[in-house]
Structures are given as structure tokens and as C-alpha cells.
Amino acid sequence: MAEVKKSTVAGMLEIAAGVVALVAGFMFLLLGLVGGGVLSATVPEHLEALAALPVALFVPVAALHFIAGLLAIAGGFAALQGTRWWLAVMGSVAALVCFFPLGIVAMILIALSEREFTRS
């Protein structure tokens, strides 16, 4: 039975955490936009500024999820290819932010698999 490289497992975990973050980012974006629309239709005129609150809260959180998710996916692909160890490390940190259980395992595996990466 062939041994699976640690960097391959870490890359798959980083990609999975990145996909979770992208889905969560989409949900936060949807929540902010729909929440703002619902509030703007239901609040009285003197509280109209309240309608911008969901957008102001959830859209930046969605943007952070998108950025962390894309970085985790990029780091996952670097880990799968066995190139650019620094990007794989950054991706594992982003995966840690995206989805903690997968990110902590990915970070440990990337740290242990530094020798599996090619020097460029």
C-alpha cells in the first residue's frame, strides 16, 4: 500500500476549509443584503438608518471569509503540487481561520512536511 504524503493530506484539508469559508462568506453576504432589504421595508421612516446595519455588519465579514477562503484554496493547491511551501503555510493559517478543526490539522501537517516541498 502506497504511503500518502503529508502535504497532500494538508492540501486537501486546506481546500476543504477554503470551500467552507467561501460558502460561509456567500451566506453572510446574502444575510446582510436580505436583512438590509427587509429592514428597509419594515422600519418606520425615523429609523431608516437602521436598515444599513445588516449590510455594515455582514458584508465586511463576508469579504474576510472570501479572502481567507481563497488564500486557503491557493495554499491547498500549492501543497498538493509540492511547491511554494510559504504559500502552503499561509494557506494553512487561513484554513485555521476558516474552519478551525481542519485548519489545525493542516497546519501541523504542513509544518511536518517541509521536506516534501521542492526548492525553487
Protein backbone atom coordinates (compact mmCIF):
# COMPACT_ATOMS: atom_id res chain seq x y z
CA MET A 1 0.00 0.00 0.00
CA ALA A 2 1.42 3.37 -1.03
CA GLU A 3 2.11 5.96 1.61
CA VAL A 4 0.23 9.25 1.23
CA LYS A 5 2.30 12.39 1.60
CA LYS A 6 1.51 14.69 4.50
CA SER A 7 1.48 17.66 2.14
CA THR A 8 -1.22 16.02 0.01
CA VAL A 9 -3.50 15.49 3.00
CA ALA A 10 -2.81 19.02 4.23
CA GLY A 11 -3.60 20.43 0.80
CA MET A 12 -6.94 18.62 0.66
CA LEU A 13 -7.80 19.87 4.16
CA GLU A 14 -6.88 23.44 3.21
CA ILE A 15 -9.05 23.27 0.10
CA ALA A 16 -11.96 21.87 2.11
CA ALA A 17 -11.62 24.65 4.69
CA GLY A 18 -11.45 27.22 1.89
CA VAL A 19 -14.65 25.91 0.33
CA VAL A 20 -16.37 26.07 3.72
CA ALA A 21 -15.22 29.69 4.07
CA LEU A 22 -16.48 30.61 0.60
CA VAL A 23 -19.89 29.11 1.35
CA ALA A 24 -19.99 30.92 4.70
CA GLY A 25 -18.96 34.16 3.00
CA PHE A 26 -21.78 33.80 0.50
CA MET A 27 -24.23 33.18 3.34
CA PHE A 28 -23.02 36.24 5.26
CA LEU A 29 -23.32 38.35 2.11
CA LEU A 30 -26.83 37.07 1.49
CA LEU A 31 -27.78 37.63 5.12
CA GLY A 32 -26.53 41.22 5.02
CA LEU A 33 -28.24 42.12 1.77
CA VAL A 34 -31.56 40.41 2.52
CA GLY A 35 -31.55 41.68 6.09
CA GLY A 36 -30.96 45.22 4.89
CA GLY A 37 -33.76 44.91 2.35
CA VAL A 38 -36.20 43.52 4.89
CA LEU A 39 -35.37 46.21 7.44
CA SER A 40 -35.66 48.99 4.88
CA ALA A 41 -39.15 47.77 4.01
CA THR A 42 -40.35 47.37 7.60
CA VAL A 43 -38.82 50.09 9.78
CA PRO A 44 -40.53 53.43 10.30
CA GLU A 45 -39.16 56.47 8.48
CA HIS A 46 -37.40 57.95 11.51
CA LEU A 47 -35.36 54.71 11.91
CA GLU A 48 -34.41 54.37 8.24
CA ALA A 49 -30.68 54.45 9.00
CA LEU A 50 -31.16 51.19 10.90
CA ALA A 51 -31.69 49.40 7.57
CA ALA A 52 -27.99 49.79 6.73
CA LEU A 53 -26.91 47.96 9.89
CA PRO A 54 -27.01 44.38 8.48
CA VAL A 55 -25.08 45.47 5.41
CA ALA A 56 -22.50 47.29 7.52
CA LEU A 57 -22.03 44.27 9.78
CA PHE A 58 -22.24 41.27 7.47
CA VAL A 59 -20.64 42.45 4.22
CA PRO A 60 -17.17 43.03 5.78
CA VAL A 61 -17.39 39.63 7.49
CA ALA A 62 -18.29 38.09 4.13
CA ALA A 63 -15.32 39.81 2.49
CA LEU A 64 -12.96 38.42 5.14
CA HIS A 65 -14.37 34.94 4.59
CA PHE A 66 -13.87 35.26 0.83
CA ILE A 67 -10.27 36.42 1.24
CA ALA A 68 -9.39 33.71 3.77
CA GLY A 69 -11.14 31.06 1.69
CA LEU A 70 -9.30 31.98 -1.50
CA LEU A 71 -5.97 32.05 0.34
CA ALA A 72 -6.67 28.64 1.88
CA ILE A 73 -7.55 27.20 -1.54
CA ALA A 74 -4.41 28.68 -3.12
CA GLY A 75 -2.30 27.25 -0.30
CA GLY A 76 -4.01 23.90 -0.71
CA PHE A 77 -3.11 23.73 -4.38
CA ALA A 78 0.48 24.71 -3.58
CA ALA A 79 0.61 21.90 -1.01
CA LEU A 80 -0.85 19.39 -3.48
CA GLN A 81 1.77 20.34 -6.07
CA GLY A 82 4.58 20.28 -3.51
CA THR A 83 5.78 23.76 -4.44
CA ARG A 84 5.89 27.11 -2.63
CA TRP A 85 5.97 26.00 1.00
CA TRP A 86 5.43 29.56 2.18
CA LEU A 87 2.09 29.71 0.32
CA ALA A 88 1.06 26.37 1.83
CA VAL A 89 1.86 27.75 5.30
CA MET A 90 -0.16 30.89 4.63
CA GLY A 91 -2.98 28.71 3.34
CA SER A 92 -2.91 26.61 6.50
CA VAL A 93 -3.15 29.76 8.63
CA ALA A 94 -6.08 30.91 6.52
CA ALA A 95 -7.63 27.44 6.85
CA LEU A 96 -7.22 27.78 10.61
CA VAL A 97 -9.24 30.99 10.46
CA CYS A 98 -11.78 29.48 8.06
CA PHE A 99 -12.54 26.22 9.83
CA PHE A 100 -10.54 25.58 12.98
CA PRO A 101 -10.56 21.74 13.16
CA LEU A 102 -9.39 21.30 9.58
CA GLY A 103 -7.00 24.23 9.83
CA ILE A 104 -5.17 22.98 12.91
CA VAL A 105 -4.57 19.56 11.33
CA ALA A 106 -3.48 21.19 8.05
CA MET A 107 -1.08 23.49 9.90
CA ILE A 108 0.51 20.58 11.77
CA LEU A 109 0.85 18.52 8.60
CA ILE A 110 2.35 21.41 6.62
CA ALA A 111 4.86 22.05 9.40
CA LEU A 112 5.86 18.37 9.41
CA SER A 113 6.09 18.11 5.63
CA GLU A 114 8.52 20.93 4.82
CA ARG A 115 11.00 18.45 3.30
CA GLU A 116 8.36 17.25 0.81
CA PHE A 117 8.37 20.61 -0.97
CA THR A 118 10.74 21.37 -3.83
CA ARG A 119 13.10 24.31 -3.57
CA SER A 120 12.64 26.91 -6.27
